């Protein structure tokens, strides 16, 4: 075994390695970290654009859905208005038919055994505007009229008597039209 002897020499090792500055000739030569950072930035920008586009799509679809719902509601309201108008026309026709004088006369004759009077008498009383007006001494306070009714006086004329007569007439009309009018609809 005979190995050759070696000489151990002590050399001083530098504390810092010697650095050499190398300039890059073009931008194409990038390190892997720089390329990864650039790709990460591009990905973030694209992801942000996709999120914005998705949100715009959701907003557009929700607005379109609301518009469609409003259109459907408008059509439903139009159909309800048309149905209400038809109902109003039918009710107006029924009201005019029920309130016609010929129908009231026929009901009075048939159900209540009433007939047209041969002579109609009216009471004349003084007008309230002239407090001193009294019937003339020789004039009759009751006059006979034809079968046609006299024109209705204004509401101011007549006072308590006129009010009582109007009330009685309206009650009679309600009784005639109310009972018979509702009976014919059943």
N, C-alpha and C. Protein backbone atom coordinates (compact mmCIF):
# COMPACT_ATOMS: atom_id res chain seq x y z
N UNK A 1 0.55 -0.71 0.00
CA UNK A 1 0.00 0.00 0.00
C UNK A 1 0.89 1.14 0.00
N UNK A 2 1.17 1.22 -0.76
CA UNK A 2 2.04 2.35 -0.87
C UNK A 2 1.38 3.44 -1.62
N UNK A 3 0.95 4.42 -0.90
CA UNK A 3 0.31 5.57 -1.52
C UNK A 3 1.26 6.74 -1.50
N UNK A 4 1.13 7.55 -2.45
CA UNK A 4 2.01 8.70 -2.55
C UNK A 4 1.58 9.75 -1.55
N UNK A 5 2.47 10.46 -1.08
CA UNK A 5 2.16 11.47 -0.08
C UNK A 5 1.74 12.75 -0.76
N UNK A 6 0.91 13.40 -0.09
CA UNK A 6 0.43 14.66 -0.65
C UNK A 6 0.89 15.81 0.21
N UNK A 7 0.97 16.91 -0.46
CA UNK A 7 1.38 18.07 0.25
C UNK A 7 0.14 18.89 0.55
N UNK A 8 -0.02 19.28 1.76
CA UNK A 8 -1.18 20.07 2.15
C UNK A 8 -0.70 21.50 2.22
N UNK A 9 -1.28 22.24 1.44
CA UNK A 9 -0.91 23.65 1.43
C UNK A 9 -2.12 24.46 1.84
N UNK A 10 -1.87 25.44 2.59
CA UNK A 10 -2.96 26.27 3.07
C UNK A 10 -3.04 27.48 2.18
N UNK A 11 -4.22 27.65 1.56
CA UNK A 11 -4.47 28.81 0.72
C UNK A 11 -5.63 29.60 1.32
N UNK A 12 -5.59 30.84 1.12
CA UNK A 12 -6.66 31.67 1.68
C UNK A 12 -7.84 31.69 0.71
N UNK A 13 -8.99 31.41 1.21
CA UNK A 13 -10.20 31.43 0.39
C UNK A 13 -10.85 32.81 0.50
N UNK A 14 -11.23 33.35 -0.60
CA UNK A 14 -11.86 34.68 -0.53
C UNK A 14 -13.22 34.60 0.17
N UNK A 15 -13.54 35.67 0.88
CA UNK A 15 -14.80 35.68 1.62
C UNK A 15 -16.01 35.85 0.71
N UNK A 16 -15.84 36.56 -0.39
CA UNK A 16 -16.96 36.70 -1.33
C UNK A 16 -16.55 36.15 -2.67
N UNK A 17 -17.49 35.53 -3.33
CA UNK A 17 -17.13 35.04 -4.65
C UNK A 17 -17.04 36.22 -5.62
N UNK A 18 -16.35 36.04 -6.59
CA UNK A 18 -16.18 37.08 -7.59
C UNK A 18 -17.41 37.06 -8.49
N UNK A 19 -18.03 38.25 -8.60
CA UNK A 19 -19.24 38.36 -9.41
C UNK A 19 -18.91 39.01 -10.72
N UNK A 20 -19.60 38.59 -11.68
CA UNK A 20 -19.36 39.11 -13.00
C UNK A 20 -20.68 39.65 -13.54
N UNK A 21 -20.72 40.91 -14.06
CA UNK A 21 -21.93 41.53 -14.58
C UNK A 21 -22.08 41.12 -16.03
N UNK A 22 -23.28 40.58 -16.34
CA UNK A 22 -23.57 40.17 -17.69
C UNK A 22 -24.76 40.98 -18.16
N UNK A 23 -24.64 41.61 -19.23
CA UNK A 23 -25.75 42.38 -19.78
C UNK A 23 -26.51 41.50 -20.76
N UNK A 24 -27.87 41.63 -20.65
CA UNK A 24 -28.71 40.85 -21.54
C UNK A 24 -28.77 41.53 -22.90
N UNK A 25 -28.70 40.79 -23.92
CA UNK A 25 -28.69 41.35 -25.24
C UNK A 25 -30.10 41.65 -25.75
N UNK A 26 -31.19 40.95 -25.33
CA UNK A 26 -32.55 41.20 -25.80
C UNK A 26 -33.54 40.94 -24.68
N UNK A 27 -34.83 41.38 -24.88
CA UNK A 27 -35.85 41.18 -23.86
C UNK A 27 -36.45 39.78 -23.94
N UNK A 28 -36.09 39.05 -24.91
CA UNK A 28 -36.65 37.70 -25.06
C UNK A 28 -36.09 36.74 -24.02
N UNK A 29 -34.99 37.04 -23.59
CA UNK A 29 -34.38 36.13 -22.62
C UNK A 29 -34.78 36.58 -21.23
N UNK A 30 -35.78 36.00 -20.73
CA UNK A 30 -36.27 36.31 -19.39
C UNK A 30 -36.07 35.08 -18.52
N UNK A 31 -36.12 35.37 -17.31
CA UNK A 31 -36.02 34.24 -16.39
C UNK A 31 -37.41 33.66 -16.21
N UNK A 32 -37.42 32.53 -15.64
CA UNK A 32 -38.68 31.84 -15.43
C UNK A 32 -39.59 32.61 -14.47
N UNK A 33 -39.08 33.25 -13.48
CA UNK A 33 -39.87 34.01 -12.50
C UNK A 33 -40.50 35.24 -13.16
N UNK A 34 -39.75 35.91 -14.01
CA UNK A 34 -40.31 37.08 -14.70
C UNK A 34 -41.44 36.66 -15.64
N UNK A 35 -41.30 35.59 -16.33
CA UNK A 35 -42.34 35.10 -17.24
C UNK A 35 -43.58 34.68 -16.45
N UNK A 36 -43.38 34.07 -15.29
CA UNK A 36 -44.51 33.65 -14.46
C UNK A 36 -45.25 34.87 -13.91
N UNK A 37 -44.54 35.90 -13.50
CA UNK A 37 -45.17 37.12 -12.98
C UNK A 37 -45.96 37.82 -14.08
N UNK A 38 -45.44 37.87 -15.27
CA UNK A 38 -46.16 38.49 -16.38
C UNK A 38 -47.42 37.70 -16.74
N UNK A 39 -47.33 36.39 -16.75
CA UNK A 39 -48.49 35.56 -17.05
C UNK A 39 -49.55 35.69 -15.96
N UNK A 40 -49.11 35.81 -14.71
CA UNK A 40 -50.03 35.99 -13.60
C UNK A 40 -50.78 37.32 -13.74
N UNK A 41 -50.12 38.38 -14.13
CA UNK A 41 -50.76 39.69 -14.34
C UNK A 41 -51.78 39.64 -15.47
N UNK A 42 -51.44 38.99 -16.57
CA UNK A 42 -52.36 38.85 -17.71
C UNK A 42 -53.58 38.03 -17.29
N UNK A 43 -53.37 36.98 -16.52
CA UNK A 43 -54.47 36.15 -16.05
C UNK A 43 -55.42 36.94 -15.16
N UNK A 44 -54.87 37.76 -14.28
CA UNK A 44 -55.71 38.57 -13.40
C UNK A 44 -56.56 39.57 -14.20
N UNK A 45 -55.95 40.19 -15.20
CA UNK A 45 -56.69 41.14 -16.03
C UNK A 45 -57.80 40.42 -16.79
N UNK A 46 -57.52 39.27 -17.36
CA UNK A 46 -58.54 38.50 -18.08
C UNK A 46 -59.64 38.02 -17.13
N UNK A 47 -59.28 37.60 -15.93
CA UNK A 47 -60.28 37.15 -14.96
C UNK A 47 -61.17 38.31 -14.55
N UNK A 48 -60.59 39.48 -14.36
CA UNK A 48 -61.38 40.66 -14.01
C UNK A 48 -62.34 41.03 -15.15
N UNK A 49 -61.87 40.96 -16.38
CA UNK A 49 -62.74 41.23 -17.54
C UNK A 49 -63.88 40.22 -17.62
N UNK A 50 -63.59 38.96 -17.35
CA UNK A 50 -64.63 37.93 -17.39
C UNK A 50 -65.68 38.16 -16.30
N UNK A 51 -65.23 38.55 -15.11
CA UNK A 51 -66.16 38.82 -14.01
C UNK A 51 -67.06 40.01 -14.37
N UNK A 52 -66.47 41.05 -14.94
CA UNK A 52 -67.25 42.23 -15.35
C UNK A 52 -68.26 41.86 -16.42
N UNK A 53 -67.85 41.08 -17.41
CA UNK A 53 -68.77 40.64 -18.46
C UNK A 53 -69.88 39.75 -17.89
N UNK A 54 -69.54 38.89 -16.95
CA UNK A 54 -70.56 38.02 -16.34
C UNK A 54 -71.57 38.85 -15.57
N UNK A 55 -71.10 39.83 -14.83
CA UNK A 55 -72.01 40.69 -14.07
C UNK A 55 -72.90 41.50 -15.02
N UNK A 56 -72.33 42.00 -16.10
CA UNK A 56 -73.13 42.74 -17.08
C UNK A 56 -74.19 41.82 -17.70
N UNK A 57 -73.84 40.58 -17.95
CA UNK A 57 -74.82 39.63 -18.49
C UNK A 57 -75.93 39.35 -17.51
N UNK A 58 -75.59 39.19 -16.23
CA UNK A 58 -76.62 38.94 -15.20
C UNK A 58 -77.55 40.13 -15.09
N UNK A 59 -76.99 41.34 -15.11
CA UNK A 59 -77.82 42.55 -15.02
C UNK A 59 -78.72 42.65 -16.25
N UNK A 60 -78.19 42.36 -17.42
CA UNK A 60 -79.00 42.43 -18.64
C UNK A 60 -80.14 41.41 -18.61
N UNK A 61 -79.84 40.20 -18.17
CA UNK A 61 -80.87 39.16 -18.12
C UNK A 61 -81.94 39.52 -17.08
N UNK A 62 -81.52 40.06 -15.92
CA UNK A 62 -82.51 40.43 -14.91
C UNK A 62 -83.39 41.58 -15.40
N UNK A 63 -82.81 42.54 -16.12
CA UNK A 63 -83.62 43.63 -16.67
C UNK A 63 -84.58 43.13 -17.75
N UNK A 64 -84.12 42.21 -18.57
CA UNK A 64 -85.00 41.64 -19.59
C UNK A 64 -86.14 40.84 -18.95
N UNK A 65 -85.83 40.12 -17.86
CA UNK A 65 -86.88 39.36 -17.16
C UNK A 65 -87.90 40.30 -16.53
N UNK A 66 -87.42 41.39 -15.94
CA UNK A 66 -88.35 42.37 -15.37
C UNK A 66 -89.21 43.01 -16.44
N UNK A 67 -88.62 43.31 -17.59
CA UNK A 67 -89.39 43.91 -18.68
C UNK A 67 -90.46 42.93 -19.17
N UNK A 68 -90.10 41.67 -19.29
CA UNK A 68 -91.09 40.66 -19.72
C UNK A 68 -92.20 40.52 -18.69
N UNK A 69 -91.84 40.55 -17.41
CA UNK A 69 -92.84 40.45 -16.35
C UNK A 69 -93.77 41.66 -16.36
N UNK A 70 -93.20 42.84 -16.60
CA UNK A 70 -94.02 44.06 -16.67
C UNK A 70 -94.96 44.00 -17.87
N UNK A 71 -94.50 43.46 -18.97
CA UNK A 71 -95.36 43.32 -20.15
C UNK A 71 -96.51 42.37 -19.87
N UNK A 72 -96.22 41.27 -19.21
CA UNK A 72 -97.27 40.31 -18.86
C UNK A 72 -98.28 40.95 -17.92
N UNK A 73 -97.78 41.69 -16.92
CA UNK A 73 -98.67 42.38 -15.99
C UNK A 73 -99.52 43.41 -16.72
N UNK A 74 -98.93 44.11 -17.68
CA UNK A 74 -99.68 45.12 -18.43
C UNK A 74 -100.81 44.45 -19.24
N UNK A 75 -100.52 43.31 -19.85
CA UNK A 75 -101.57 42.61 -20.61
C UNK A 75 -102.68 42.14 -19.68
N UNK A 76 -102.30 41.65 -18.50
CA UNK A 76 -103.32 41.21 -17.54
C UNK A 76 -104.18 42.39 -17.10
N UNK A 77 -103.54 43.53 -16.83
CA UNK A 77 -104.30 44.71 -16.43
C UNK A 77 -105.21 45.19 -17.55
N UNK A 78 -104.72 45.15 -18.79
CA UNK A 78 -105.57 45.55 -19.92
C UNK A 78 -106.79 44.66 -20.03
N UNK A 79 -106.59 43.35 -19.84
CA UNK A 79 -107.74 42.44 -19.93
C UNK A 79 -108.71 42.68 -18.78
N UNK A 80 -108.18 42.99 -17.59
CA UNK A 80 -109.06 43.30 -16.46
C UNK A 80 -109.84 44.58 -16.71
N UNK A 81 -109.18 45.58 -17.30
CA UNK A 81 -109.86 46.84 -17.61
C UNK A 81 -110.95 46.61 -18.64
N UNK A 82 -110.67 45.81 -19.66
CA UNK A 82 -111.69 45.51 -20.67
C UNK A 82 -112.88 44.78 -20.05
N UNK A 83 -112.59 43.83 -19.17
CA UNK A 83 -113.67 43.10 -18.50
C UNK A 83 -114.49 44.04 -17.62
N UNK A 84 -113.82 44.96 -16.93
CA UNK A 84 -114.53 45.92 -16.09
C UNK A 84 -115.38 46.87 -16.95
N UNK A 85 -114.86 47.27 -18.09
CA UNK A 85 -115.63 48.14 -18.98
C UNK A 85 -116.86 47.42 -19.50
N UNK A 86 -116.72 46.15 -19.86
CA UNK A 86 -117.88 45.38 -20.31
C UNK A 86 -118.90 45.24 -19.18
N UNK A 87 -118.40 45.01 -17.98
CA UNK A 87 -119.29 44.90 -16.83
C UNK A 87 -120.01 46.23 -16.58
N UNK A 88 -119.30 47.34 -16.71
CA UNK A 88 -119.91 48.66 -16.52
C UNK A 88 -121.00 48.88 -17.57
N UNK A 89 -120.72 48.52 -18.80
CA UNK A 89 -121.73 48.70 -19.86
C UNK A 89 -122.97 47.85 -19.57
N UNK A 90 -122.74 46.62 -19.12
CA UNK A 90 -123.88 45.75 -18.81
C UNK A 90 -124.67 46.30 -17.63
N UNK A 91 -123.97 46.80 -16.61
CA UNK A 91 -124.66 47.37 -15.45
C UNK A 91 -125.43 48.65 -15.82
N UNK A 92 -124.85 49.47 -16.69
CA UNK A 92 -125.55 50.68 -17.13
C UNK A 92 -126.80 50.31 -17.92
N UNK A 93 -126.70 49.29 -18.75
CA UNK A 93 -127.88 48.85 -19.51
C UNK A 93 -128.95 48.31 -18.56
N UNK A 94 -128.52 47.53 -17.57
CA UNK A 94 -129.48 47.02 -16.58
C UNK A 94 -130.12 48.16 -15.80
N UNK A 95 -129.32 49.14 -15.40
CA UNK A 95 -129.84 50.26 -14.63
C UNK A 95 -130.86 51.05 -15.45
N UNK A 96 -130.53 51.31 -16.70
CA UNK A 96 -131.47 52.07 -17.53
C UNK A 96 -132.75 51.27 -17.78
N UNK A 97 -132.60 49.95 -17.92
CA UNK A 97 -133.80 49.13 -18.13
C UNK A 97 -134.65 49.08 -16.86
N UNK A 98 -133.99 48.99 -15.70
CA UNK A 98 -134.74 48.92 -14.44
C UNK A 98 -135.38 50.26 -14.09
N UNK A 99 -134.77 51.36 -14.48
CA UNK A 99 -135.29 52.67 -14.10
C UNK A 99 -136.21 53.27 -15.16
N UNK A 100 -136.50 52.55 -16.22
CA UNK A 100 -137.36 53.11 -17.26
C UNK A 100 -138.79 53.28 -16.74
N UNK A 101 -139.40 54.40 -17.03
CA UNK A 101 -140.76 54.65 -16.54
C UNK A 101 -141.77 53.61 -17.03
N UNK A 102 -141.61 53.12 -18.24
CA UNK A 102 -142.56 52.13 -18.75
C UNK A 102 -142.48 50.83 -17.93
N UNK A 103 -141.27 50.41 -17.53
CA UNK A 103 -141.12 49.20 -16.73
C UNK A 103 -141.72 49.41 -15.35
N UNK A 104 -141.46 50.56 -14.75
CA UNK A 104 -142.00 50.85 -13.42
C UNK A 104 -143.53 50.87 -13.48
N UNK A 105 -144.06 51.46 -14.54
CA UNK A 105 -145.52 51.51 -14.70
C UNK A 105 -146.09 50.11 -14.85
N UNK A 106 -145.41 49.26 -15.66
CA UNK A 106 -145.89 47.90 -15.86
C UNK A 106 -145.84 47.11 -14.56
N UNK A 107 -144.76 47.25 -13.80
CA UNK A 107 -144.66 46.56 -12.52
C UNK A 107 -145.73 47.04 -11.54
N UNK A 108 -145.97 48.35 -11.53
CA UNK A 108 -146.98 48.89 -10.63
C UNK A 108 -148.37 48.36 -11.00
N UNK A 109 -148.63 48.29 -12.29
CA UNK A 109 -149.94 47.80 -12.73
C UNK A 109 -150.10 46.30 -12.44
N UNK A 110 -149.06 45.50 -12.72
CA UNK A 110 -149.16 44.06 -12.59
C UNK A 110 -149.08 43.58 -11.14
N UNK A 111 -148.07 44.02 -10.42
CA UNK A 111 -147.85 43.45 -9.09
C UNK A 111 -148.58 44.18 -7.98
N UNK A 112 -148.78 45.48 -8.11
CA UNK A 112 -149.41 46.24 -7.04
C UNK A 112 -150.84 46.65 -7.37
N UNK A 113 -151.34 46.19 -8.49
CA UNK A 113 -152.70 46.50 -8.94
C UNK A 113 -152.97 48.00 -8.98
N UNK A 114 -152.02 48.74 -9.47
CA UNK A 114 -152.20 50.18 -9.61
C UNK A 114 -152.64 50.47 -11.03
N UNK A 115 -153.26 51.62 -11.23
CA UNK A 115 -153.65 52.03 -12.57
C UNK A 115 -153.40 53.52 -12.72
N UNK A 116 -153.44 53.98 -13.97
CA UNK A 116 -153.24 55.40 -14.25
C UNK A 116 -154.45 56.17 -13.75
N UNK A 117 -154.21 57.31 -13.12
CA UNK A 117 -155.35 58.10 -12.65
C UNK A 117 -156.03 58.81 -13.82
N UNK A 118 -157.31 59.00 -13.71
CA UNK A 118 -158.04 59.72 -14.74
C UNK A 118 -157.76 61.22 -14.63
N UNK A 119 -157.54 61.68 -13.42
CA UNK A 119 -157.29 63.10 -13.21
C UNK A 119 -156.22 63.24 -12.13
N UNK A 120 -155.27 64.16 -12.36
CA UNK A 120 -154.19 64.38 -11.40
C UNK A 120 -154.40 65.75 -10.77
N UNK A 121 -154.34 65.82 -9.47
CA UNK A 121 -154.53 67.09 -8.75
C UNK A 121 -153.21 67.50 -8.12
N UNK A 122 -152.93 68.79 -8.18
CA UNK A 122 -151.71 69.34 -7.58
C UNK A 122 -152.09 70.42 -6.59
N UNK A 123 -151.36 70.48 -5.51
CA UNK A 123 -151.56 71.54 -4.53
C UNK A 123 -150.64 72.70 -4.89
N UNK A 124 -151.18 73.89 -4.86
CA UNK A 124 -150.35 75.08 -5.08
C UNK A 124 -150.14 75.75 -3.75
N UNK A 125 -148.92 76.06 -3.44
CA UNK A 125 -148.62 76.75 -2.21
C UNK A 125 -147.66 77.88 -2.53
N UNK A 126 -147.53 78.84 -1.68
CA UNK A 126 -146.75 80.04 -2.01
C UNK A 126 -145.27 79.71 -2.14
N UNK A 127 -144.61 80.50 -2.96
CA UNK A 127 -143.18 80.36 -3.17
C UNK A 127 -142.47 80.95 -1.97
N UNK A 128 -141.39 80.35 -1.55
CA UNK A 128 -140.69 80.78 -0.34
C UNK A 128 -139.96 82.10 -0.52
N UNK A 129 -139.66 82.52 -1.77
CA UNK A 129 -138.97 83.79 -2.01
C UNK A 129 -139.84 84.98 -1.63
N UNK A 130 -141.14 84.86 -1.80
CA UNK A 130 -142.06 85.94 -1.49
C UNK A 130 -142.83 85.56 -0.24
N UNK A 131 -142.45 86.06 0.93
CA UNK A 131 -143.12 85.64 2.16
C UNK A 131 -144.56 86.12 2.26
N UNK A 132 -144.93 87.21 1.60
CA UNK A 132 -146.29 87.74 1.71
C UNK A 132 -147.23 87.14 0.68
N UNK A 133 -146.77 86.26 -0.18
CA UNK A 133 -147.61 85.71 -1.23
C UNK A 133 -148.56 84.68 -0.63
N UNK A 134 -149.83 84.89 -0.84
CA UNK A 134 -150.86 83.96 -0.38
C UNK A 134 -151.77 83.67 -1.54
N UNK A 135 -152.47 82.54 -1.52
CA UNK A 135 -153.39 82.26 -2.61
C UNK A 135 -154.50 83.31 -2.64
N UNK A 136 -154.92 83.64 -3.83
CA UNK A 136 -155.98 84.65 -3.97
C UNK A 136 -157.27 84.09 -3.41
N UNK A 137 -158.12 85.00 -2.96
CA UNK A 137 -159.33 84.59 -2.27
C UNK A 137 -160.27 83.80 -3.16
N UNK A 138 -160.41 84.18 -4.39
CA UNK A 138 -161.37 83.51 -5.26
C UNK A 138 -160.78 82.29 -5.94
N UNK A 139 -159.47 82.11 -5.88
CA UNK A 139 -158.81 81.01 -6.61
C UNK A 139 -158.86 79.74 -5.78
N UNK A 140 -158.95 78.66 -6.48
CA UNK A 140 -158.96 77.38 -5.80
C UNK A 140 -157.51 76.99 -5.45
N UNK A 141 -157.32 76.36 -4.34
CA UNK A 141 -155.96 75.95 -3.97
C UNK A 141 -155.61 74.60 -4.59
N UNK A 142 -156.58 73.96 -5.19
CA UNK A 142 -156.33 72.69 -5.86
C UNK A 142 -156.76 72.87 -7.30
N UNK A 143 -155.91 72.51 -8.23
CA UNK A 143 -156.28 72.62 -9.63
C UNK A 143 -156.17 71.24 -10.27
N UNK A 144 -156.96 71.00 -11.27
CA UNK A 144 -156.95 69.72 -11.98
C UNK A 144 -156.00 69.85 -13.16
N UNK A 145 -155.27 68.79 -13.42
CA UNK A 145 -154.32 68.80 -14.53
C UNK A 145 -154.59 67.59 -15.41
N UNK A 146 -153.97 67.61 -16.55
CA UNK A 146 -154.07 66.48 -17.47
C UNK A 146 -153.29 65.30 -16.89
N UNK A 147 -153.23 64.20 -17.59
CA UNK A 147 -152.53 63.02 -17.12
C UNK A 147 -151.01 63.22 -17.16
N UNK A 148 -150.54 64.27 -17.85
CA UNK A 148 -149.10 64.50 -17.91
C UNK A 148 -148.65 65.15 -16.61
N UNK A 149 -147.51 64.77 -16.10
CA UNK A 149 -147.04 65.32 -14.83
C UNK A 149 -146.56 66.76 -15.00
N UNK A 150 -146.65 67.53 -13.94
CA UNK A 150 -146.20 68.92 -13.96
C UNK A 150 -144.69 68.94 -13.81
N UNK A 151 -144.05 69.98 -14.29
CA UNK A 151 -142.59 70.05 -14.14
C UNK A 151 -142.23 70.14 -12.66
N UNK A 152 -141.15 69.47 -12.29
CA UNK A 152 -140.73 69.43 -10.89
C UNK A 152 -140.16 70.79 -10.50
N UNK A 153 -140.59 71.34 -9.36
CA UNK A 153 -140.05 72.61 -8.94
C UNK A 153 -138.62 72.46 -8.44
N UNK A 154 -137.95 73.58 -8.33
CA UNK A 154 -136.57 73.57 -7.86
C UNK A 154 -136.55 73.10 -6.40
N UNK A 155 -135.43 72.59 -5.91
CA UNK A 155 -135.37 72.06 -4.56
C UNK A 155 -135.64 73.10 -3.48
N UNK A 156 -135.42 74.41 -3.77
CA UNK A 156 -135.66 75.42 -2.75
C UNK A 156 -137.14 75.61 -2.51
N UNK A 157 -137.96 75.33 -3.50
CA UNK A 157 -139.39 75.59 -3.40
C UNK A 157 -140.06 74.47 -2.63
N UNK A 158 -140.89 74.79 -1.71
CA UNK A 158 -141.72 73.79 -1.08
C UNK A 158 -141.35 73.44 0.32
N UNK A 159 -140.15 73.56 0.72
CA UNK A 159 -139.75 73.32 2.08
C UNK A 159 -140.03 71.91 2.56
N UNK A 160 -140.70 71.80 3.69
CA UNK A 160 -140.93 70.53 4.35
C UNK A 160 -141.87 69.62 3.57
N UNK A 161 -142.92 70.20 3.01
CA UNK A 161 -143.88 69.40 2.25
C UNK A 161 -143.22 68.76 1.03
N UNK A 162 -142.42 69.54 0.31
CA UNK A 162 -141.73 69.03 -0.88
C UNK A 162 -140.77 67.91 -0.47
N UNK A 163 -140.06 68.09 0.61
CA UNK A 163 -139.11 67.08 1.08
C UNK A 163 -139.83 65.79 1.43
N UNK A 164 -140.96 65.89 2.09
CA UNK A 164 -141.74 64.71 2.46
C UNK A 164 -142.27 63.99 1.22
N UNK A 165 -142.71 64.77 0.23
CA UNK A 165 -143.23 64.15 -1.00
C UNK A 165 -142.11 63.46 -1.76
N UNK A 166 -140.93 64.08 -1.83
CA UNK A 166 -139.79 63.46 -2.51
C UNK A 166 -139.36 62.19 -1.80
N UNK A 167 -139.37 62.22 -0.49
CA UNK A 167 -139.00 61.04 0.28
C UNK A 167 -139.97 59.90 0.03
N UNK A 168 -141.24 60.19 0.04
CA UNK A 168 -142.24 59.15 -0.19
C UNK A 168 -142.13 58.59 -1.60
N UNK A 169 -141.90 59.44 -2.59
CA UNK A 169 -141.76 58.97 -3.97
C UNK A 169 -140.52 58.11 -4.12
N UNK A 170 -139.42 58.51 -3.50
CA UNK A 170 -138.19 57.71 -3.64
C UNK A 170 -138.33 56.37 -2.93
N UNK A 171 -139.02 56.34 -1.79
CA UNK A 171 -139.24 55.07 -1.10
C UNK A 171 -140.13 54.15 -1.93
N UNK A 172 -141.13 54.70 -2.58
CA UNK A 172 -142.00 53.88 -3.43
C UNK A 172 -141.22 53.33 -4.61
N UNK A 173 -140.36 54.14 -5.17
CA UNK A 173 -139.57 53.68 -6.31
C UNK A 173 -138.59 52.59 -5.86
N UNK A 174 -137.97 52.74 -4.69
CA UNK A 174 -137.06 51.72 -4.19
C UNK A 174 -137.81 50.42 -3.96
N UNK A 175 -139.00 50.51 -3.41
CA UNK A 175 -139.77 49.30 -3.18
C UNK A 175 -140.13 48.61 -4.49
N UNK A 176 -140.53 49.40 -5.49
CA UNK A 176 -140.90 48.81 -6.78
C UNK A 176 -139.69 48.23 -7.49
N UNK A 177 -138.67 49.00 -7.65
CA UNK A 177 -137.50 48.56 -8.40
C UNK A 177 -136.69 47.57 -7.60
N UNK A 178 -136.57 47.79 -6.29
CA UNK A 178 -135.75 46.92 -5.45
C UNK A 178 -136.23 45.50 -5.44
N UNK A 179 -137.50 45.26 -5.09
CA UNK A 179 -138.00 43.89 -4.98
C UNK A 179 -138.15 43.25 -6.35
N UNK A 180 -138.78 43.94 -7.27
CA UNK A 180 -139.04 43.35 -8.58
C UNK A 180 -137.77 43.34 -9.44
N UNK A 181 -136.97 44.40 -9.32
CA UNK A 181 -135.75 44.48 -10.13
C UNK A 181 -134.77 43.38 -9.77
N UNK A 182 -134.61 43.12 -8.49
CA UNK A 182 -133.71 42.06 -8.09
C UNK A 182 -134.28 40.68 -8.35
N UNK A 183 -135.59 40.56 -8.30
CA UNK A 183 -136.22 39.26 -8.57
C UNK A 183 -136.06 38.82 -10.00
N UNK A 184 -136.01 39.77 -10.93
CA UNK A 184 -135.90 39.39 -12.35
C UNK A 184 -134.49 38.96 -12.71
N UNK A 185 -133.48 39.31 -11.91
CA UNK A 185 -132.10 38.93 -12.22
C UNK A 185 -131.78 37.52 -11.74
N UNK A 186 -132.59 36.97 -10.86
CA UNK A 186 -132.28 35.65 -10.30
C UNK A 186 -132.62 34.54 -11.22
